[in-house]
């Protein structure tokens, strides 16, 4: 686990980050199988923060390997996005909450203890219909909630439920730069400069410049990032220790690749492309694959359609590939890859203070149907009911001393 030691001068403590053993595959320390047909379910396994179609993993005691899950109350429409309050902790009930975006409903702030509604934030279009955002992000002070939807970002004061302030992202007379389409990803840089913070926004529009940098002090984008694949952006995240490095995941033709940019340098060309090794199972898909970066900014981990988890070493890639003189984009392979599930790994979450990963799997598979079959066989064929091969949550131990073999 991460530790804090006394500085040799006695003035400032020194933080030692978590050490991950990537020489061998990790040990499985806990597993929880999800049944989407069950009602509210309590379980005692291990917990990190992650989202599945119907289940949310809540934070529990970080010193013990337990998973605690509860099922989000059934909604009339799909959940588009989900986000924990930045300082959420079960030891501070006021902060133990999260926001969820449900199609055709206001954004809901829900209590993580029992799922009750704390507040709602309404986005209404020109026809007075409720609009649900596809992306959510809190600013660095957690006082404002940013919600991305088609051609705009709605900004709410968290302490004042109701309506927010709309910021259009399309090109205007003041600025030719802009983003068109659904704002599908938002991420704030951990750097804070004199009261001004910066954030990135990406869209589902499939073009090579569908990510822009913004300042919370102005509406127009600062600049666009180019050189990406012609695919929709599904996730954005900054390196916690290198706030100038931005990572982006894509769907469609960008499946299995994560791009990174150094926003201080040439914004028209990515620094590195982290490539998941090819497999017959990896094909262009619209399924989201959420990656995560550890608190020290050392490693990036992501799952794939084949049930594998890849771990990339960020220390080597950022220092060796990109220089101020400008070099070609690097294509990097994972330092470690292991088989985690029997189905697509849609989300990976890294514990902030222990060498532990949590992974979640599951995707819909439709049975093949022969159109020449008679009507009775067609009625019995469950082609309209997709099956799930592996819908589970697992926790992996990357320490030198494995918890469980």
Protein backbone atom coordinates (compact mmCIF):
# COMPACT_ATOMS: atom_id res chain seq x y z
CA UNK A 1 0.00 0.00 0.00
CA UNK A 2 1.04 3.63 -0.29
CA UNK A 3 2.82 5.02 2.76
CA UNK A 4 3.89 8.41 4.09
CA UNK A 5 7.36 8.62 5.61
CA UNK A 6 9.12 11.44 7.44
CA UNK A 7 11.47 13.52 5.29
CA UNK A 8 15.18 13.32 6.19
CA UNK A 9 15.14 17.02 7.07
CA UNK A 10 12.07 16.55 9.23
CA UNK A 11 10.20 19.34 7.44
CA UNK A 12 7.92 17.60 4.93
CA UNK A 13 6.55 14.05 4.75
CA UNK A 14 7.35 11.92 1.72
CA UNK A 15 4.64 9.97 -0.07
CA UNK A 16 5.67 6.57 -1.44
CA UNK A 17 3.22 5.35 -4.10
CA UNK A 18 1.71 1.88 -4.32
CA UNK A 19 4.04 -0.75 -5.78
CA UNK A 20 2.50 -3.13 -8.33
CA UNK A 21 4.12 -6.45 -9.13
CA UNK A 22 3.75 -6.79 -12.92
CA UNK A 23 6.26 -9.61 -13.37
CA UNK A 24 3.57 -12.26 -12.95
CA UNK A 25 -0.19 -12.41 -13.34
CA UNK A 26 -2.11 -11.23 -10.27
CA UNK A 27 -3.95 -13.49 -7.88
CA UNK A 28 -7.73 -13.50 -7.69
CA UNK A 29 -8.72 -12.27 -4.23
CA UNK A 30 -12.51 -11.94 -4.58
CA UNK A 31 -15.30 -12.62 -7.04
CA UNK A 32 -18.95 -11.65 -7.21
CA UNK A 33 -21.36 -12.90 -9.89
CA UNK A 34 -24.12 -10.48 -10.82
CA UNK A 35 -27.62 -11.63 -11.69
CA UNK A 36 -29.49 -8.79 -13.44
CA UNK A 37 -32.84 -10.53 -12.80
CA UNK A 38 -32.57 -10.29 -9.02
CA UNK A 39 -34.03 -7.46 -6.99
CA UNK A 40 -32.01 -5.49 -4.44
CA UNK A 41 -29.04 -7.61 -3.47
CA UNK A 42 -26.58 -7.28 -0.62
CA UNK A 43 -23.27 -9.11 -0.85
CA UNK A 44 -20.05 -9.24 1.08
CA UNK A 45 -17.15 -9.09 -1.33
CA UNK A 46 -14.63 -6.31 -2.19
CA UNK A 47 -15.49 -2.75 -3.19
CA UNK A 48 -14.14 -0.07 -5.47
CA UNK A 49 -16.05 2.42 -7.60
CA UNK A 50 -17.45 1.10 -10.86
CA UNK A 51 -20.65 1.06 -12.84
CA UNK A 52 -22.52 -1.74 -14.59
CA UNK A 53 -25.88 -1.60 -16.39
CA UNK A 54 -27.83 -2.08 -13.14
CA UNK A 55 -25.28 -2.36 -10.34
CA UNK A 56 -23.05 0.11 -8.54
CA UNK A 57 -20.06 -0.85 -6.44
CA UNK A 58 -19.73 1.40 -3.43
CA UNK A 59 -16.61 2.27 -1.47
CA UNK A 60 -16.07 0.19 1.63
CA UNK A 61 -13.30 -0.26 4.17
CA UNK A 62 -10.04 -0.02 2.17
CA UNK A 63 -8.13 -2.31 4.55
CA UNK A 64 -10.24 -5.41 3.99
CA UNK A 65 -11.09 -7.28 0.78
CA UNK A 66 -14.87 -6.98 0.65
CA UNK A 67 -17.25 -6.10 -2.15
CA UNK A 68 -20.46 -4.33 -1.33
CA UNK A 69 -22.91 -3.80 -4.16
CA UNK A 70 -26.44 -2.58 -4.46
CA UNK A 71 -28.73 -2.45 -7.41
CA UNK A 72 -29.76 0.93 -8.74
CA UNK A 73 -33.58 1.25 -8.52
CA UNK A 74 -35.07 0.16 -11.80
CA UNK A 75 -35.53 3.06 -14.20
CA UNK A 76 -37.84 3.36 -17.21
CA UNK A 77 -34.81 4.07 -19.43
CA UNK A 78 -31.11 3.15 -19.59
CA UNK A 79 -28.47 4.73 -17.36
CA UNK A 80 -26.21 6.79 -19.64
CA UNK A 81 -23.50 7.76 -17.18
CA UNK A 82 -22.62 7.62 -13.49
CA UNK A 83 -20.13 9.50 -11.32
CA UNK A 84 -19.11 9.45 -7.67
CA UNK A 85 -18.88 12.66 -5.70
CA UNK A 86 -15.09 13.33 -5.60
CA UNK A 87 -14.67 12.99 -1.82
CA UNK A 88 -17.27 10.27 -1.30
CA UNK A 89 -16.66 8.24 1.84
CA UNK A 90 -18.93 6.06 3.99
CA UNK A 91 -17.32 7.72 7.01
CA UNK A 92 -18.71 11.10 5.90
CA UNK A 93 -22.42 10.57 5.15
CA UNK A 94 -22.79 14.04 3.61
CA UNK A 95 -20.34 13.18 0.82
CA UNK A 96 -21.37 9.55 0.32
CA UNK A 97 -23.34 10.04 -2.88
CA UNK A 98 -23.15 9.87 -6.67
CA UNK A 99 -24.89 11.34 -9.71
CA UNK A 100 -26.59 9.30 -12.42
CA UNK A 101 -27.90 10.24 -15.83
CA UNK A 102 -31.04 8.38 -16.91
CA UNK A 103 -32.46 8.89 -20.38
CA UNK A 104 -35.31 11.43 -20.56
CA UNK A 105 -34.95 12.24 -16.85
CA UNK A 106 -33.20 14.97 -14.83
CA UNK A 107 -29.72 14.21 -13.53
CA UNK A 108 -30.13 12.62 -10.11
CA UNK A 109 -27.93 12.98 -7.04
CA UNK A 110 -28.43 9.72 -5.12
CA UNK A 111 -27.44 8.68 -1.63
CA UNK A 112 -24.97 5.80 -1.80
CA UNK A 113 -26.29 4.22 1.38
CA UNK A 114 -29.86 3.48 0.32
CA UNK A 115 -30.27 4.99 -3.16
CA UNK A 116 -32.67 7.75 -2.07
CA UNK A 117 -32.89 10.92 -4.14
CA UNK A 118 -31.01 13.91 -2.68
CA UNK A 119 -31.35 16.41 -5.54
CA UNK A 120 -32.06 16.64 -9.27
CA UNK A 121 -30.64 18.85 -12.00
CA UNK A 122 -32.82 19.50 -15.02
CA UNK A 123 -31.73 19.98 -18.64
CA UNK A 124 -34.56 21.03 -20.95
CA UNK A 125 -34.31 21.40 -24.73
CA UNK A 126 -36.11 23.92 -26.99
CA UNK A 127 -39.17 21.65 -27.07
CA UNK A 128 -39.28 21.50 -23.28
CA UNK A 129 -38.25 17.86 -23.15
CA UNK A 130 -35.96 16.46 -20.49
CA UNK A 131 -32.48 15.77 -21.84
CA UNK A 132 -30.14 13.30 -20.15
CA UNK A 133 -26.39 13.98 -20.54
CA UNK A 134 -24.03 11.34 -21.91
CA UNK A 135 -21.11 12.54 -19.77
CA UNK A 136 -20.66 13.90 -16.25
CA UNK A 137 -17.77 15.61 -14.45
CA UNK A 138 -17.26 17.55 -11.23
CA UNK A 139 -14.84 20.48 -11.27
CA UNK A 140 -11.78 20.40 -9.01
CA UNK A 141 -13.56 21.99 -6.06
CA UNK A 142 -16.62 19.71 -6.49
CA UNK A 143 -18.84 22.79 -6.42
CA UNK A 144 -20.00 22.52 -10.02
CA UNK A 145 -21.34 19.64 -12.07
CA UNK A 146 -20.65 19.62 -15.84
CA UNK A 147 -23.05 17.65 -18.04
CA UNK A 148 -22.36 16.99 -21.72
CA UNK A 149 -25.12 16.43 -24.27
CA UNK A 150 -25.74 17.33 -27.92
CA UNK A 151 -23.76 20.44 -28.96
CA UNK A 152 -23.63 21.81 -25.40
CA UNK A 153 -22.47 21.48 -21.81
CA UNK A 154 -24.82 22.31 -18.94
CA UNK A 155 -23.12 23.61 -15.78
CA UNK A 156 -24.85 23.28 -12.41
CA UNK A 157 -24.11 24.61 -8.95
CA UNK A 158 -24.19 21.39 -6.91
CA UNK A 159 -25.63 23.17 -3.89
CA UNK A 160 -28.52 24.64 -5.93
CA UNK A 161 -30.63 21.95 -7.65
CA UNK A 162 -32.77 22.95 -10.60
CA UNK A 163 -31.61 24.48 -13.86
CA UNK A 164 -28.04 25.27 -14.85
CA UNK A 165 -26.12 27.50 -17.26
CA UNK A 166 -25.78 26.28 -20.84
CA UNK A 167 -22.50 26.53 -22.74
CA UNK A 168 -22.71 25.81 -26.47
CA UNK A 169 -19.76 23.94 -27.94
CA UNK A 170 -20.39 24.45 -31.66
CA UNK A 171 -18.28 26.92 -33.71
CA UNK A 172 -19.41 30.54 -33.47
CA UNK A 173 -18.51 33.97 -34.81
CA UNK A 174 -16.04 34.45 -31.95
CA UNK A 175 -14.28 31.14 -32.50
CA UNK A 176 -14.11 28.79 -35.47
CA UNK A 177 -13.03 25.99 -33.16
CA UNK A 178 -15.79 23.94 -31.64
CA UNK A 179 -17.32 20.54 -31.13
CA UNK A 180 -20.38 19.23 -32.93
CA UNK A 181 -22.41 16.26 -31.79
CA UNK A 182 -23.03 14.60 -28.44
CA UNK A 183 -20.47 15.55 -25.77
CA UNK A 184 -19.67 11.98 -24.77
CA UNK A 185 -16.72 12.50 -22.39
CA UNK A 186 -15.52 15.15 -19.94
CA UNK A 187 -12.40 15.30 -17.76
CA UNK A 188 -10.78 18.00 -15.61
CA UNK A 189 -7.03 18.43 -15.45
CA UNK A 190 -5.72 18.09 -11.85
CA UNK A 191 -3.69 21.28 -12.39
CA UNK A 192 -5.12 24.42 -10.75
CA UNK A 193 -3.70 27.76 -11.87
CA UNK A 194 -4.68 30.88 -9.95
CA UNK A 195 -8.36 30.04 -9.67
CA UNK A 196 -8.61 28.85 -13.29
CA UNK A 197 -9.02 25.18 -14.15
CA UNK A 198 -9.01 23.39 -17.48
CA UNK A 199 -11.01 20.50 -18.82
CA UNK A 200 -11.27 18.38 -21.95
CA UNK A 201 -14.43 17.43 -23.82
CA UNK A 202 -14.91 14.83 -26.54
CA UNK A 203 -17.78 13.88 -28.83
CA UNK A 204 -19.24 10.82 -30.51
CA UNK A 205 -18.76 12.49 -33.92
CA UNK A 206 -16.32 10.29 -35.87
CA UNK A 207 -13.60 12.69 -36.97
CA UNK A 208 -9.92 13.16 -36.16
CA UNK A 209 -10.41 16.37 -34.14
CA UNK A 210 -13.29 15.61 -31.81
CA UNK A 211 -11.54 16.57 -28.54
CA UNK A 212 -11.20 20.17 -27.31
CA UNK A 213 -9.63 21.85 -24.30
CA UNK A 214 -11.67 24.41 -22.37
CA UNK A 215 -11.14 26.82 -19.48
CA UNK A 216 -13.80 27.31 -16.84
CA UNK A 217 -13.23 31.06 -17.25
CA UNK A 218 -14.42 31.28 -20.87
CA UNK A 219 -16.96 29.62 -23.16
CA UNK A 220 -14.91 29.26 -26.35
CA UNK A 221 -12.56 26.26 -26.60
CA UNK A 222 -8.86 26.94 -26.16
CA UNK A 223 -7.79 24.52 -28.92
CA UNK A 224 -8.64 21.21 -30.58
CA UNK A 225 -6.61 18.02 -30.35
CA UNK A 226 -5.94 16.32 -33.67
CA UNK A 227 -4.48 13.09 -34.95
CA UNK A 228 -7.00 10.77 -33.35
CA UNK A 229 -8.92 8.00 -35.09
CA UNK A 230 -12.13 8.67 -36.97
CA UNK A 231 -14.21 7.29 -34.12
CA UNK A 232 -16.36 8.51 -31.24
CA UNK A 233 -14.73 9.33 -27.90
CA UNK A 234 -15.94 7.20 -24.97
CA UNK A 235 -13.64 8.32 -22.13
CA UNK A 236 -11.14 11.06 -21.26
CA UNK A 237 -8.78 11.10 -18.29
CA UNK A 238 -5.72 13.13 -17.29
CA UNK A 239 -2.64 11.68 -15.66
CA UNK A 240 -2.91 12.53 -11.93
CA UNK A 241 0.82 13.28 -11.65
CA UNK A 242 1.33 14.71 -15.14
CA UNK A 243 -1.64 17.06 -15.57
CA UNK A 244 -0.52 17.95 -19.10
CA UNK A 245 -1.02 14.39 -20.38
CA UNK A 246 -4.52 13.50 -21.60
CA UNK A 247 -5.70 9.99 -22.46
CA UNK A 248 -8.68 9.13 -24.67
CA UNK A 249 -10.54 5.91 -25.42
CA UNK A 250 -12.69 5.37 -28.50
CA UNK A 251 -15.42 3.15 -29.87
CA UNK A 252 -15.92 1.84 -33.40
CA UNK A 253 -12.69 1.94 -35.42
CA UNK A 254 -10.81 3.06 -32.31
CA UNK A 255 -11.68 -0.07 -30.30
CA UNK A 256 -8.63 -1.47 -28.51
CA UNK A 257 -6.60 1.75 -28.68
CA UNK A 258 -5.98 4.54 -26.18
CA UNK A 259 -4.43 7.77 -27.45
CA UNK A 260 -2.47 10.28 -25.37
CA UNK A 261 -1.58 13.93 -25.98
CA UNK A 262 0.82 16.35 -24.33
CA UNK A 263 -1.30 19.51 -24.30
CA UNK A 264 1.83 21.68 -23.83
CA UNK A 265 3.26 20.71 -27.20
CA UNK A 266 1.93 19.87 -30.66
CA UNK A 267 -1.79 19.40 -30.19
CA UNK A 268 -2.18 18.09 -33.73
CA UNK A 269 -0.36 14.82 -33.07
CA UNK A 270 -0.77 12.32 -30.21
CA UNK A 271 2.21 11.35 -28.09
CA UNK A 272 1.49 7.65 -27.86
CA UNK A 273 -1.02 5.04 -28.87
CA UNK A 274 -1.49 2.23 -26.36
CA UNK A 275 -2.48 -0.79 -28.40
CA UNK A 276 -4.25 -3.80 -26.95
CA UNK A 277 -2.79 -6.93 -28.63
CA UNK A 278 -4.94 -8.22 -31.46
CA UNK A 279 -7.32 -11.12 -31.03
CA UNK A 280 -10.05 -12.70 -33.19
CA UNK A 281 -12.53 -11.46 -30.58
CA UNK A 282 -11.48 -7.81 -30.88
CA UNK A 283 -13.60 -6.12 -33.52
CA UNK A 284 -14.98 -2.59 -33.88
CA UNK A 285 -17.77 -2.18 -31.36
CA UNK A 286 -19.84 0.55 -29.72
CA UNK A 287 -19.37 -0.99 -26.27
CA UNK A 288 -17.48 1.24 -23.85
CA UNK A 289 -14.26 -0.05 -22.30
CA UNK A 290 -13.40 2.07 -19.29
CA UNK A 291 -9.72 2.35 -18.44
CA UNK A 292 -8.15 3.63 -15.24
CA UNK A 293 -4.84 5.13 -14.10
CA UNK A 294 -3.33 4.57 -10.66
CA UNK A 295 -3.01 7.47 -8.22
CA UNK A 296 0.72 7.85 -8.92
CA UNK A 297 0.23 7.99 -12.70
CA UNK A 298 2.48 4.98 -13.25
CA UNK A 299 0.16 2.49 -14.93
CA UNK A 300 -2.86 2.45 -17.20
CA UNK A 301 -5.13 -0.58 -17.30
CA UNK A 302 -7.94 -1.47 -19.70
CA UNK A 303 -9.98 -4.54 -20.62
CA UNK A 304 -10.95 -5.91 -24.01
CA UNK A 305 -13.59 -8.03 -25.74
CA UNK A 306 -11.60 -11.23 -25.22
CA UNK A 307 -11.83 -11.00 -21.42
CA UNK A 308 -8.22 -9.87 -21.02
CA UNK A 309 -6.82 -7.00 -18.97
CA UNK A 310 -3.79 -5.08 -20.27
CA UNK A 311 -1.52 -2.99 -18.04
CA UNK A 312 0.70 -0.33 -19.66
CA UNK A 313 3.73 1.27 -18.03
CA UNK A 314 3.31 5.04 -18.34
CA UNK A 315 6.70 5.92 -16.87
CA UNK A 316 8.62 4.51 -19.83
CA UNK A 317 6.28 5.78 -22.55
CA UNK A 318 5.96 9.42 -21.54
CA UNK A 319 9.69 9.98 -21.07
CA UNK A 320 11.04 8.10 -24.06
CA UNK A 321 8.72 8.78 -26.97
CA UNK A 322 7.82 12.45 -27.03
CA UNK A 323 10.22 15.41 -26.97
CA UNK A 324 9.76 19.12 -27.52
CA UNK A 325 11.45 18.77 -30.90
CA UNK A 326 8.51 16.58 -31.94
CA UNK A 327 8.88 12.89 -32.77
CA UNK A 328 6.62 10.34 -34.34
CA UNK A 329 3.78 8.88 -32.35
CA UNK A 330 4.76 5.78 -30.42
CA UNK A 331 2.77 2.54 -30.59
CA UNK A 332 3.15 0.82 -27.26
CA UNK A 333 2.34 -2.67 -26.03
CA UNK A 334 1.27 -3.64 -22.51
CA UNK A 335 3.82 -4.62 -19.91
CA UNK A 336 1.44 -7.25 -18.56
CA UNK A 337 -1.65 -8.94 -19.93
CA UNK A 338 -3.71 -11.62 -18.21
CA UNK A 339 -7.01 -13.45 -18.73
CA UNK A 340 -9.49 -12.01 -16.25
CA UNK A 341 -12.97 -13.04 -17.46
CA UNK A 342 -14.81 -15.21 -19.97
CA UNK A 343 -16.50 -12.19 -21.55
CA UNK A 344 -15.72 -8.58 -22.43
CA UNK A 345 -14.13 -6.59 -19.59
CA UNK A 346 -16.07 -3.33 -19.75
CA UNK A 347 -14.48 -1.57 -16.78
CA UNK A 348 -11.26 -1.55 -14.75
CA UNK A 349 -10.82 0.35 -11.49
CA UNK A 350 -7.55 0.73 -9.55
CA UNK A 351 -7.51 1.09 -5.77
CA UNK A 352 -5.97 4.45 -4.76
CA UNK A 353 -3.87 3.14 -1.88
CA UNK A 354 -3.40 -0.62 -2.40
CA UNK A 355 -2.02 -2.79 -5.25
CA UNK A 356 -5.50 -3.97 -6.16
CA UNK A 357 -7.55 -3.88 -9.38
CA UNK A 358 -11.28 -4.43 -9.73
CA UNK A 359 -12.66 -5.61 -13.08
CA UNK A 360 -16.23 -5.95 -14.32
CA UNK A 361 -17.34 -8.09 -17.24
CA UNK A 362 -20.45 -8.62 -19.30
CA UNK A 363 -21.88 -8.01 -22.76
CA UNK A 364 -24.95 -9.06 -24.69
CA UNK A 365 -24.69 -12.00 -27.09
CA UNK A 366 -27.46 -12.83 -29.51
CA UNK A 367 -28.03 -16.41 -30.62
CA UNK A 368 -27.93 -17.03 -34.33
CA UNK A 369 -31.27 -17.61 -36.00
CA UNK A 370 -31.95 -19.53 -39.18
CA UNK A 371 -34.68 -17.78 -41.16
CA UNK A 372 -35.61 -21.07 -42.90
CA UNK A 373 -36.89 -22.61 -39.68
CA UNK A 374 -40.63 -23.15 -39.32
CA UNK A 375 -42.81 -20.81 -37.27
CA UNK A 376 -42.93 -23.05 -34.18
CA UNK A 377 -39.14 -23.15 -34.01
CA UNK A 378 -39.00 -19.38 -34.52
CA UNK A 379 -41.30 -18.81 -31.56
CA UNK A 380 -39.11 -20.96 -29.34
CA UNK A 381 -35.86 -19.38 -30.50
CA UNK A 382 -34.66 -16.87 -27.87
CA UNK A 383 -32.97 -14.63 -30.43
CA UNK A 384 -34.71 -11.55 -28.99
CA UNK A 385 -33.36 -12.31 -25.49
CA UNK A 386 -29.58 -11.78 -25.40
CA UNK A 387 -27.48 -14.03 -23.20
CA UNK A 388 -24.56 -13.09 -20.96
CA UNK A 389 -21.55 -15.39 -20.80
CA UNK A 390 -19.84 -13.85 -17.78
CA UNK A 391 -21.40 -11.06 -15.73
CA UNK A 392 -19.13 -10.74 -12.73
CA UNK A 393 -16.87 -8.51 -10.67
CA UNK A 394 -13.41 -9.67 -9.69
CA UNK A 395 -10.67 -8.22 -7.52
CA UNK A 396 -7.02 -8.85 -8.37
CA UNK A 397 -4.05 -8.64 -6.01
CA UNK A 398 -0.83 -7.22 -7.53
CA UNK A 399 1.23 -7.32 -4.35
CA UNK A 400 4.29 -9.52 -3.91
CA UNK A 401 2.43 -11.52 -1.27
CA UNK A 402 -0.74 -12.82 -2.90
CA UNK A 403 -3.92 -12.82 -0.88
CA UNK A 404 -5.32 -15.95 -2.42
CA UNK A 405 -4.06 -18.49 -4.90
